[in-house]
Amino acid sequence: MVKLINAFVIAIIYFGSTQSFAAKKILTLGPPPRGLECQEIYETAAQPKSTKEIFATTQSICARKGGLNVLSESYGDPKEPQGVILSCVGDTPDRVIFACYFPAN
């Protein structure tokens, strides 16, 4: 089941990710449901906890963990997203270092 969820998340992120995502959609984000990297990102990000701040912090932590890129995708209706999925990837989108879901407030 976990492998299926991970494959789904990777597919969502791989198809349609953009690095300009954080600049286009500004949401106030809530804390992630789980994940050490995700908690660290949320706690380290500057106020307000917006997509821009969370994305910037994710890039920093991703690089520190050996990742090369952060892929992003909104979850839910594009006009009113329910949250954001951010993935730290290595040399290919298939090499996911970590992925986090941040719900919209």
PDB file of N, CA and C in Angstrom:
ATOM      1  N   MET A   1       0.822  -1.190   0.000  1.00  0.00           N
ATOM      2  CA  MET A   1       0.000   0.000   0.000  1.00  0.00           C
ATOM      3  C   MET A   1       0.875   1.266   0.000  1.00  0.00           C
ATOM      4  N   VAL A   2       1.922   1.273   0.834  1.00  0.00           N
ATOM      5  CA  VAL A   2       2.817   2.430   0.902  1.00  0.00           C
ATOM      6  C   VAL A   2       3.510   2.646  -0.437  1.00  0.00           C
ATOM      7  N   LYS A   3       3.935   1.562  -1.087  1.00  0.00           N
ATOM      8  CA  LYS A   3       4.587   1.685  -2.393  1.00  0.00           C
ATOM      9  C   LYS A   3       3.633   2.276  -3.418  1.00  0.00           C
ATOM     10  N   LEU A   4       2.366   1.898  -3.349  1.00  0.00           N
ATOM     11  CA  LEU A   4       1.361   2.429  -4.270  1.00  0.00           C
ATOM     12  C   LEU A   4       1.172   3.922  -4.050  1.00  0.00           C
ATOM     13  N   ILE A   5       1.099   4.337  -2.795  1.00  0.00           N
ATOM     14  CA  ILE A   5       0.951   5.763  -2.479  1.00  0.00           C
ATOM     15  C   ILE A   5       2.182   6.530  -2.949  1.00  0.00           C
ATOM     16  N   ASN A   6       3.375   5.993  -2.674  1.00  0.00           N
ATOM     17  CA  ASN A   6       4.607   6.657  -3.120  1.00  0.00           C
ATOM     18  C   ASN A   6       4.657   6.779  -4.637  1.00  0.00           C
ATOM     19  N   ALA A   7       4.257   5.731  -5.343  1.00  0.00           N
ATOM     20  CA  ALA A   7       4.237   5.773  -6.808  1.00  0.00           C
ATOM     21  C   ALA A   7       3.263   6.834  -7.299  1.00  0.00           C
ATOM     22  N   PHE A   8       2.116   6.942  -6.639  1.00  0.00           N
ATOM     23  CA  PHE A   8       1.118   7.945  -7.009  1.00  0.00           C
ATOM     24  C   PHE A   8       1.666   9.354  -6.796  1.00  0.00           C
ATOM     25  N   VAL A   9       2.302   9.574  -5.657  1.00  0.00           N
ATOM     26  CA  VAL A   9       2.879  10.893  -5.362  1.00  0.00           C
ATOM     27  C   VAL A   9       3.948  11.244  -6.386  1.00  0.00           C
ATOM     28  N   ILE A  10       4.809  10.296  -6.710  1.00  0.00           N
ATOM     29  CA  ILE A  10       5.862  10.536  -7.699  1.00  0.00           C
ATOM     30  C   ILE A  10       5.257  10.863  -9.053  1.00  0.00           C
ATOM     31  N   ALA A  11       4.209  10.139  -9.441  1.00  0.00           N
ATOM     32  CA  ALA A  11       3.557  10.397 -10.728  1.00  0.00           C
ATOM     33  C   ALA A  11       2.954  11.793 -10.757  1.00  0.00           C
ATOM     34  N   ILE A  12       2.289  12.182  -9.686  1.00  0.00           N
ATOM     35  CA  ILE A  12       1.691  13.524  -9.616  1.00  0.00           C
ATOM     36  C   ILE A  12       2.774  14.583  -9.738  1.00  0.00           C
ATOM     37  N   ILE A  13       3.854  14.380  -9.025  1.00  0.00           N
ATOM     38  CA  ILE A  13       4.929  15.366  -9.017  1.00  0.00           C
ATOM     39  C   ILE A  13       5.643  15.419 -10.356  1.00  0.00           C
ATOM     40  N   TYR A  14       5.907  14.258 -10.932  1.00  0.00           N
ATOM     41  CA  TYR A  14       6.648  14.197 -12.189  1.00  0.00           C
ATOM     42  C   TYR A  14       5.890  14.865 -13.325  1.00  0.00           C
ATOM     43  N   PHE A  15       4.595  14.636 -13.417  1.00  0.00           N
ATOM     44  CA  PHE A  15       3.792  15.200 -14.496  1.00  0.00           C
ATOM     45  C   PHE A  15       3.197  16.519 -14.049  1.00  0.00           C
ATOM     46  N   GLY A  16       3.764  17.598 -14.504  1.00  0.00           N
ATOM     47  CA  GLY A  16       3.186  18.908 -14.252  1.00  0.00           C
ATOM     48  C   GLY A  16       3.844  19.713 -13.158  1.00  0.00           C
ATOM     49  N   SER A  17       5.017  19.350 -12.713  1.00  0.00           N
ATOM     50  CA  SER A  17       5.709  20.133 -11.697  1.00  0.00           C
ATOM     51  C   SER A  17       6.321  21.369 -12.329  1.00  0.00           C
ATOM     52  N   THR A  18       6.367  22.432 -11.550  1.00  0.00           N
ATOM     53  CA  THR A  18       7.045  23.632 -12.025  1.00  0.00           C
ATOM     54  C   THR A  18       7.800  24.256 -10.869  1.00  0.00           C
ATOM     55  N   GLN A  19       8.959  24.806 -11.172  1.00  0.00           N
ATOM     56  CA  GLN A  19       9.720  25.471 -10.125  1.00  0.00           C
ATOM     57  C   GLN A  19       9.151  26.847  -9.825  1.00  0.00           C
ATOM     58  N   SER A  20       8.396  27.423 -10.749  1.00  0.00           N
ATOM     59  CA  SER A  20       7.811  28.734 -10.497  1.00  0.00           C
ATOM     60  C   SER A  20       6.525  28.613  -9.697  1.00  0.00           C
ATOM     61  N   PHE A  21       6.201  27.417  -9.267  1.00  0.00           N
ATOM     62  CA  PHE A  21       4.981  27.160  -8.507  1.00  0.00           C
ATOM     63  C   PHE A  21       4.862  28.078  -7.302  1.00  0.00           C
ATOM     64  N   ALA A  22       5.928  28.189  -6.529  1.00  0.00           N
ATOM     65  CA  ALA A  22       5.879  28.970  -5.300  1.00  0.00           C
ATOM     66  C   ALA A  22       5.587  30.438  -5.588  1.00  0.00           C
ATOM     67  N   ALA A  23       6.034  30.925  -6.708  1.00  0.00           N
ATOM     68  CA  ALA A  23       5.792  32.320  -7.049  1.00  0.00           C
ATOM     69  C   ALA A  23       4.367  32.538  -7.547  1.00  0.00           C
ATOM     70  N   LYS A  24       3.751  31.516  -8.148  1.00  0.00           N
ATOM     71  CA  LYS A  24       2.422  31.664  -8.730  1.00  0.00           C
ATOM     72  C   LYS A  24       1.296  31.499  -7.721  1.00  0.00           C
ATOM     73  N   LYS A  25       1.420  30.567  -6.819  1.00  0.00           N
ATOM     74  CA  LYS A  25       0.341  30.259  -5.894  1.00  0.00           C
ATOM     75  C   LYS A  25       0.813  30.533  -4.474  1.00  0.00           C
ATOM     76  N   ILE A  26       0.250  31.547  -3.859  1.00  0.00           N
ATOM     77  CA  ILE A  26       0.622  31.862  -2.488  1.00  0.00           C
ATOM     78  C   ILE A  26      -0.512  31.400  -1.581  1.00  0.00           C
ATOM     79  N   LEU A  27      -0.242  30.365  -0.824  1.00  0.00           N
ATOM     80  CA  LEU A  27      -1.187  29.830   0.145  1.00  0.00           C
ATOM     81  C   LEU A  27      -0.548  29.907   1.518  1.00  0.00           C
ATOM     82  N   THR A  28      -1.363  30.007   2.536  1.00  0.00           N
ATOM     83  CA  THR A  28      -0.867  29.830   3.888  1.00  0.00           C
ATOM     84  C   THR A  28      -1.002  28.353   4.188  1.00  0.00           C
ATOM     85  N   LEU A  29       0.087  27.729   4.597  1.00  0.00           N
ATOM     86  CA  LEU A  29       0.107  26.285   4.770  1.00  0.00           C
ATOM     87  C   LEU A  29       0.135  25.894   6.236  1.00  0.00           C
ATOM     88  N   GLY A  30      -0.519  24.772   6.516  1.00  0.00           N
ATOM     89  CA  GLY A  30      -0.522  24.214   7.861  1.00  0.00           C
ATOM     90  C   GLY A  30       0.623  23.236   8.027  1.00  0.00           C
ATOM     91  N   PRO A  31       0.803  22.740   9.255  1.00  0.00           N
ATOM     92  CA  PRO A  31       1.888  21.787   9.492  1.00  0.00           C
ATOM     93  C   PRO A  31       1.647  20.470   8.770  1.00  0.00           C
ATOM     94  N   PRO A  32       2.718  19.806   8.368  1.00  0.00           N
ATOM     95  CA  PRO A  32       2.576  18.522   7.678  1.00  0.00           C
ATOM     96  C   PRO A  32       2.119  17.444   8.655  1.00  0.00           C
ATOM     97  N   PRO A  33       1.413  16.424   8.145  1.00  0.00           N
ATOM     98  CA  PRO A  33       0.941  15.369   9.036  1.00  0.00           C
ATOM     99  C   PRO A  33       2.054  14.519   9.641  1.00  0.00           C
ATOM    100  N   ARG A  34       3.165  14.332   8.926  1.00  0.00           N
ATOM    101  CA  ARG A  34       4.268  13.512   9.467  1.00  0.00           C
ATOM    102  C   ARG A  34       5.529  13.705   8.627  1.00  0.00           C
ATOM    103  N   GLY A  35       6.610  13.099   9.095  1.00  0.00           N
ATOM    104  CA  GLY A  35       7.880  13.151   8.371  1.00  0.00           C
ATOM    105  C   GLY A  35       8.850  14.107   9.034  1.00  0.00           C
ATOM    106  N   LEU A  36      10.035  13.606   9.376  1.00  0.00           N
ATOM    107  CA  LEU A  36      11.025  14.437  10.062  1.00  0.00           C
ATOM    108  C   LEU A  36      11.459  15.628   9.229  1.00  0.00           C
ATOM    109  N   GLU A  37      11.753  15.404   7.942  1.00  0.00           N
ATOM    110  CA  GLU A  37      12.159  16.513   7.084  1.00  0.00           C
ATOM    111  C   GLU A  37      11.028  17.526   6.958  1.00  0.00           C
ATOM    112  N   CYS A  38       9.811  17.026   6.846  1.00  0.00           N
ATOM    113  CA  CYS A  38       8.647  17.897   6.670  1.00  0.00           C
ATOM    114  C   CYS A  38       8.431  18.772   7.902  1.00  0.00           C
ATOM    115  N   GLN A  39       8.553  18.184   9.079  1.00  0.00           N
ATOM    116  CA  GLN A  39       8.420  18.953  10.321  1.00  0.00           C
ATOM    117  C   GLN A  39       9.522  20.007  10.408  1.00  0.00           C
ATOM    118  N   GLU A  40      10.748  19.619  10.038  1.00  0.00           N
ATOM    119  CA  GLU A  40      11.873  20.554  10.072  1.00  0.00           C
ATOM    120  C   GLU A  40      11.638  21.721   9.111  1.00  0.00           C
ATOM    121  N   ILE A  41      11.138  21.428   7.937  1.00  0.00           N
ATOM    122  CA  ILE A  41      10.848  22.477   6.954  1.00  0.00           C
ATOM    123  C   ILE A  41       9.837  23.457   7.522  1.00  0.00           C
ATOM    124  N   TYR A  42       8.753  22.933   8.070  1.00  0.00           N
ATOM    125  CA  TYR A  42       7.684  23.795   8.583  1.00  0.00           C
ATOM    126  C   TYR A  42       8.182  24.654   9.742  1.00  0.00           C
ATOM    127  N   GLU A  43       8.942  24.051  10.654  1.00  0.00           N
ATOM    128  CA  GLU A  43       9.431  24.788  11.821  1.00  0.00           C
ATOM    129  C   GLU A  43      10.490  25.826  11.447  1.00  0.00           C
ATOM    130  N   THR A  44      11.289  25.551  10.417  1.00  0.00           N
ATOM    131  CA  THR A  44      12.371  26.446  10.011  1.00  0.00           C
ATOM    132  C   THR A  44      11.888  27.591   9.121  1.00  0.00           C
ATOM    133  N   ALA A  45      10.839  27.370   8.353  1.00  0.00           N
ATOM    134  CA  ALA A  45      10.349  28.388   7.410  1.00  0.00           C
ATOM    135  C   ALA A  45       9.939  29.661   8.147  1.00  0.00           C
ATOM    136  N   ALA A  46      10.237  30.783   7.516  1.00  0.00           N
ATOM    137  CA  ALA A  46       9.890  32.081   8.092  1.00  0.00           C
ATOM    138  C   ALA A  46       8.379  32.296   8.057  1.00  0.00           C
ATOM    139  N   GLN A  47       7.920  33.213   8.881  1.00  0.00           N
ATOM    140  CA  GLN A  47       6.506  33.603   8.872  1.00  0.00           C
ATOM    141  C   GLN A  47       6.281  34.577   7.729  1.00  0.00           C
ATOM    142  N   PRO A  48       5.144  34.631   7.091  1.00  0.00           N
ATOM    143  CA  PRO A  48       4.046  33.677   7.251  1.00  0.00           C
ATOM    144  C   PRO A  48       4.414  32.355   6.593  1.00  0.00           C
ATOM    145  N   LYS A  49       3.836  31.284   7.027  1.00  0.00           N
ATOM    146  CA  LYS A  49       4.120  29.948   6.488  1.00  0.00           C
ATOM    147  C   LYS A  49       3.407  29.805   5.142  1.00  0.00           C
ATOM    148  N   SER A  50       3.913  30.528   4.152  1.00  0.00           N
ATOM    149  CA  SER A  50       3.309  30.542   2.816  1.00  0.00           C
ATOM    150  C   SER A  50       4.053  29.577   1.902  1.00  0.00           C
ATOM    151  N   THR A  51       3.492  29.343   0.722  1.00  0.00           N
ATOM    152  CA  THR A  51       4.150  28.456  -0.235  1.00  0.00           C
ATOM    153  C   THR A  51       5.554  28.962  -0.562  1.00  0.00           C
ATOM    154  N   LYS A  52       5.710  30.271  -0.659  1.00  0.00           N
ATOM    155  CA  LYS A  52       7.014  30.847  -0.991  1.00  0.00           C
ATOM    156  C   LYS A  52       8.048  30.517   0.087  1.00  0.00           C
ATOM    157  N   GLU A  53       7.689  30.710   1.344  1.00  0.00           N
ATOM    158  CA  GLU A  53       8.613  30.446   2.453  1.00  0.00           C
ATOM    159  C   GLU A  53       8.893  28.952   2.607  1.00  0.00           C
ATOM    160  N   ILE A  54       7.849  28.127   2.509  1.00  0.00           N
ATOM    161  CA  ILE A  54       8.004  26.674   2.640  1.00  0.00           C
ATOM    162  C   ILE A  54       8.869  26.139   1.492  1.00  0.00           C
ATOM    163  N   PHE A  55       8.630  26.630   0.266  1.00  0.00           N
ATOM    164  CA  PHE A  55       9.396  26.183  -0.896  1.00  0.00           C
ATOM    165  C   PHE A  55      10.879  26.525  -0.732  1.00  0.00           C
ATOM    166  N   ALA A  56      11.170  27.750  -0.301  1.00  0.00           N
ATOM    167  CA  ALA A  56      12.564  28.181  -0.122  1.00  0.00           C
ATOM    168  C   ALA A  56      13.271  27.326   0.935  1.00  0.00           C
ATOM    169  N   THR A  57      12.588  27.049   2.029  1.00  0.00           N
ATOM    170  CA  THR A  57      13.178  26.217   3.080  1.00  0.00           C
ATOM    171  C   THR A  57      13.377  24.790   2.593  1.00  0.00           C
ATOM    172  N   THR A  58      12.422  24.284   1.806  1.00  0.00           N
ATOM    173  CA  THR A  58      12.542  22.933   1.254  1.00  0.00           C
ATOM    174  C   THR A  58      13.768  22.837   0.355  1.00  0.00           C
ATOM    175  N   GLN A  59      14.022  23.864  -0.460  1.00  0.00           N
ATOM    176  CA  GLN A  59      15.200  23.862  -1.329  1.00  0.00           C
ATOM    177  C   GLN A  59      16.486  23.767  -0.509  1.00  0.00           C
ATOM    178  N   SER A  60      16.552  24.511   0.565  1.00  0.00           N
ATOM    179  CA  SER A  60      17.744  24.512   1.414  1.00  0.00           C
ATOM    180  C   SER A  60      17.966  23.145   2.066  1.00  0.00           C
ATOM    181  N   ILE A  61      16.922  22.582   2.642  1.00  0.00           N
ATOM    182  CA  ILE A  61      17.043  21.285   3.314  1.00  0.00           C
ATOM    183  C   ILE A  61      17.289  20.179   2.296  1.00  0.00           C
ATOM    184  N   CYS A  62      16.683  20.288   1.130  1.00  0.00           N
ATOM    185  CA  CYS A  62      16.895  19.307   0.061  1.00  0.00           C
ATOM    186  C   CYS A  62      18.374  19.274  -0.334  1.00  0.00           C
ATOM    187  N   ALA A  63      18.967  20.438  -0.543  1.00  0.00           N
ATOM    188  CA  ALA A  63      20.386  20.508  -0.918  1.00  0.00           C
ATOM    189  C   ALA A  63      21.265  19.923   0.183  1.00  0.00           C
ATOM    190  N   ARG A  64      20.921  20.216   1.422  1.00  0.00           N
ATOM    191  CA  ARG A  64      21.692  19.691   2.552  1.00  0.00           C
ATOM    192  C   ARG A  64      21.627  18.163   2.631  1.00  0.00           C
ATOM    193  N   LYS A  65      20.504  17.583   2.202  1.00  0.00           N
ATOM    194  CA  LYS A  65      20.321  16.124   2.233  1.00  0.00           C
ATOM    195  C   LYS A  65      20.847  15.448   0.968  1.00  0.00           C
ATOM    196  N   GLY A  66      21.431  16.224   0.040  1.00  0.00           N
ATOM    197  CA  GLY A  66      22.000  15.649  -1.173  1.00  0.00           C
ATOM    198  C   GLY A  66      21.087  15.694  -2.381  1.00  0.00           C
ATOM    199  N   GLY A  67      19.949  16.343  -2.259  1.00  0.00           N
ATOM    200  CA  GLY A  67      19.026  16.474  -3.385  1.00  0.00           C
ATOM    201  C   GLY A  67      19.479  17.547  -4.353  1.00  0.00           C
ATOM    202  N   LEU A  68      18.983  17.466  -5.580  1.00  0.00           N
ATOM    203  CA  LEU A  68      19.375  18.424  -6.613  1.00  0.00           C
ATOM    204  C   LEU A  68      18.261  19.374  -7.015  1.00  0.00           C
ATOM    205  N   ASN A  69      17.007  19.012  -6.730  1.00  0.00           N
ATOM    206  CA  ASN A  69      15.883  19.802  -7.215  1.00  0.00           C
ATOM    207  C   ASN A  69      14.679  19.580  -6.313  1.00  0.00           C
ATOM    208  N   VAL A  70      13.802  20.584  -6.244  1.00  0.00           N
ATOM    209  CA  VAL A  70      12.533  20.442  -5.534  1.00  0.00           C
ATOM    210  C   VAL A  70      11.420  20.555  -6.562  1.00  0.00           C
ATOM    211  N   LEU A  71      10.605  19.525  -6.618  1.00  0.00           N
ATOM    212  CA  LEU A  71       9.448  19.513  -7.506  1.00  0.00           C
ATOM    213  C   LEU A  71       8.216  19.835  -6.681  1.00  0.00           C
ATOM    214  N   SER A  72       7.278  20.572  -7.276  1.00  0.00           N
ATOM    215  CA  SER A  72       6.089  20.979  -6.531  1.00  0.00           C
ATOM    216  C   SER A  72       4.829  20.767  -7.347  1.00  0.00           C
ATOM    217  N   GLU A  73       3.759  20.536  -6.637  1.00  0.00           N
ATOM    218  CA  GLU A  73       2.458  20.345  -7.273  1.00  0.00           C
ATOM    219  C   GLU A  73       1.375  20.693  -6.266  1.00  0.00           C
ATOM    220  N   SER A  74       0.348  21.400  -6.742  1.00  0.00           N
ATOM    221  CA  SER A  74      -0.786  21.656  -5.862  1.00  0.00           C
ATOM    222  C   SER A  74      -1.677  20.423  -5.849  1.00  0.00           C
ATOM    223  N   TYR A  75      -2.389  20.250  -4.762  1.00  0.00           N
ATOM    224  CA  TYR A  75      -3.273  19.109  -4.593  1.00  0.00           C
ATOM    225  C   TYR A  75      -4.694  19.632  -4.506  1.00  0.00           C
ATOM    226  N   GLY A  76      -5.577  19.061  -5.307  1.00  0.00           N
ATOM    227  CA  GLY A  76      -6.970  19.490  -5.304  1.00  0.00           C
ATOM    228  C   GLY A  76      -7.259  20.431  -6.457  1.00  0.00           C
ATOM    229  N   ASP A  77      -8.331  21.166  -6.339  1.00  0.00           N
ATOM    230  CA  ASP A  77      -8.785  22.106  -7.360  1.00  0.00           C
ATOM    231  C   ASP A  77      -7.724  23.185  -7.577  1.00  0.00           C
ATOM    232  N   PRO A  78      -7.292  23.406  -8.829  1.00  0.00           N
ATOM    233  CA  PRO A  78      -6.258  24.426  -9.085  1.00  0.00           C
ATOM    234  C   PRO A  78      -6.656  25.828  -8.616  1.00  0.00           C
ATOM    235  N   LYS A  79      -7.947  26.131  -8.639  1.00  0.00           N
ATOM    236  CA  LYS A  79      -8.392  27.457  -8.205  1.00  0.00           C
ATOM    237  C   LYS A  79      -8.385  27.590  -6.685  1.00  0.00           C
ATOM    238  N   GLU A  80      -8.635  26.502  -5.984  1.00  0.00           N
ATOM    239  CA  GLU A  80      -8.623  26.492  -4.524  1.00  0.00           C
ATOM    240  C   GLU A  80      -7.934  25.218  -4.044  1.00  0.00           C
ATOM    241  N   PRO A  81      -6.601  25.169  -4.138  1.00  0.00           N
ATOM    242  CA  PRO A  81      -5.873  23.950  -3.757  1.00  0.00           C
ATOM    243  C   PRO A  81      -6.098  23.583  -2.292  1.00  0.00           C
ATOM    244  N   GLN A  82      -6.081  22.278  -2.039  1.00  0.00           N
ATOM    245  CA  GLN A  82      -6.217  21.775  -0.671  1.00  0.00           C
ATOM    246  C   GLN A  82      -4.861  21.685   0.015  1.00  0.00           C
ATOM    247  N   GLY A  83      -3.809  21.773  -0.761  1.00  0.00           N
ATOM    248  CA  GLY A  83      -2.476  21.691  -0.189  1.00  0.00           C
ATOM    249  C   GLY A  83      -1.409  21.646  -1.259  1.00  0.00           C
ATOM    250  N   VAL A  84      -0.189  21.421  -0.818  1.00  0.00           N
ATOM    251  CA  VAL A  84       0.976  21.417  -1.695  1.00  0.00           C
ATOM    252  C   VAL A  84       1.807  20.169  -1.411  1.00  0.00           C
ATOM    253  N   ILE A  85       2.270  19.525  -2.477  1.00  0.00           N
ATOM    254  CA  ILE A  85       3.195  18.403  -2.356  1.00  0.00           C
ATOM    255  C   ILE A  85       4.546  18.883  -2.877  1.00  0.00           C
ATOM    256  N   LEU A  86       5.563  18.761  -2.049  1.00  0.00           N
ATOM    257  CA  LEU A  86       6.922  19.141  -2.436  1.00  0.00           C
ATOM    258  C   LEU A  86       7.811  17.913  -2.313  1.00  0.00           C
ATOM    259  N   SER A  87       8.589  17.645  -3.354  1.00  0.00           N
ATOM    260  CA  SER A  87       9.494  16.495  -3.342  1.00  0.00           C
ATOM    261  C   SER A  87      10.916  16.938  -3.628  1.00  0.00           C
ATOM    262  N   CYS A  88      11.820  16.456  -2.816  1.00  0.00           N
ATOM    263  CA  CYS A  88      13.250  16.651  -3.022  1.00  0.00           C
ATOM    264  C   CYS A  88      13.732  15.455  -3.828  1.00  0.00           C
ATOM    265  N   VAL A  89      14.285  15.716  -5.011  1.00  0.00           N
ATOM    266  CA  VAL A  89      14.722  14.623  -5.877  1.00  0.00           C
ATOM    267  C   VAL A  89      16.214  14.735  -6.174  1.00  0.00           C
ATOM    268  N   GLY A  90      16.767  13.607  -6.575  1.00  0.00           N
ATOM    269  CA  GLY A  90      18.180  13.550  -6.943  1.00  0.00           C
ATOM    270  C   GLY A  90      18.361  13.843  -8.413  1.00  0.00           C
ATOM    271  N   ASP A  91      19.221  13.078  -9.063  1.00  0.00           N
ATOM    272  CA  ASP A  91      19.550  13.323 -10.460  1.00  0.00           C
ATOM    273  C   ASP A  91      18.422  12.980 -11.423  1.00  0.00           C
ATOM    274  N   THR A  92      17.424  12.229 -10.984  1.00  0.00           N
ATOM    275  CA  THR A  92      16.235  11.953 -11.795  1.00  0.00           C
ATOM    276  C   THR A  92      15.004  12.102 -10.908  1.00  0.00           C
ATOM    277  N   PRO A  93      13.831  12.384 -11.505  1.00  0.00           N
ATOM    278  CA  PRO A  93      12.608  12.489 -10.704  1.00  0.00           C
ATOM    279  C   PRO A  93      12.246  11.187  -9.990  1.00  0.00           C
ATOM    280  N   ASP A  94      12.810  10.065 -10.443  1.00  0.00           N
ATOM    281  CA  ASP A  94      12.536   8.782  -9.799  1.00  0.00           C
ATOM    282  C   ASP A  94      13.309   8.609  -8.492  1.00  0.00           C
ATOM    283  N   ARG A  95      14.343   9.382  -8.302  1.00  0.00           N
ATOM    284  CA  ARG A  95      15.151   9.278  -7.076  1.00  0.00           C
ATOM    285  C   ARG A  95      14.667  10.327  -6.072  1.00  0.00           C
ATOM    286  N   VAL A  96      13.645   9.961  -5.320  1.00  0.00           N
ATOM    287  CA  VAL A  96      13.048  10.876  -4.348  1.00  0.00           C
ATOM    288  C   VAL A  96      13.786  10.741  -3.016  1.00  0.00           C
ATOM    289  N   ILE A  97      14.330  11.855  -2.539  1.00  0.00           N
ATOM    290  CA  ILE A  97      15.019  11.880  -1.248  1.00  0.00           C
ATOM    291  C   ILE A  97      13.979  11.940  -0.131  1.00  0.00           C
ATOM    292  N   PHE A  98      13.022  12.851  -0.275  1.00  0.00           N
ATOM    293  CA  PHE A  98      11.877  12.924   0.629  1.00  0.00           C
ATOM    294  C   PHE A  98      10.765  13.693  -0.070  1.00  0.00           C
ATOM    295  N   ALA A  99       9.550  13.500   0.397  1.00  0.00           N
ATOM    296  CA  ALA A  99       8.387  14.219  -0.133  1.00  0.00           C
ATOM    297  C   ALA A  99       7.522  14.639   1.043  1.00  0.00           C
ATOM    298  N   CYS A 100       6.921  15.820   0.930  1.00  0.00           N
ATOM    299  CA  CYS A 100       6.089  16.351   2.008  1.00  0.00           C
ATOM    300  C   CYS A 100       4.779  16.890   1.448  1.00  0.00           C
ATOM    301  N   TYR A 101       3.742  16.696   2.212  1.00  0.00           N
ATOM    302  CA  TYR A 101       2.441  17.286   1.893  1.00  0.00           C
ATOM    303  C   TYR A 101       2.141  18.323   2.963  1.00  0.00           C
ATOM    304  N   PHE A 102       1.842  19.541   2.522  1.00  0.00           N
ATOM    305  CA  PHE A 102       1.473  20.615   3.429  1.00  0.00           C
ATOM    306  C   PHE A 102       0.044  21.034   3.114  1.00  0.00           C
ATOM    307  N   PRO A 103      -0.893  20.840   4.043  1.00  0.00           N
ATOM    308  CA  PRO A 103      -2.285  21.215   3.791  1.00  0.00           C
ATOM    309  C   PRO A 103      -2.461  22.735   3.823  1.00  0.00           C
ATOM    310  N   ALA A 104      -3.385  23.228   3.013  1.00  0.00           N
ATOM    311  CA  ALA A 104      -3.700  24.658   3.028  1.00  0.00           C
ATOM    312  C   ALA A 104      -4.496  24.972   4.289  1.00  0.00           C
ATOM    313  N   ASN A 105      -4.259  26.138   4.843  1.00  0.00           N
ATOM    314  CA  ASN A 105      -5.030  26.581   6.018  1.00  0.00           C
ATOM    315  C   ASN A 105      -6.311  27.235   5.584  1.00  0.00           C
TER     316      ASN A 105
END
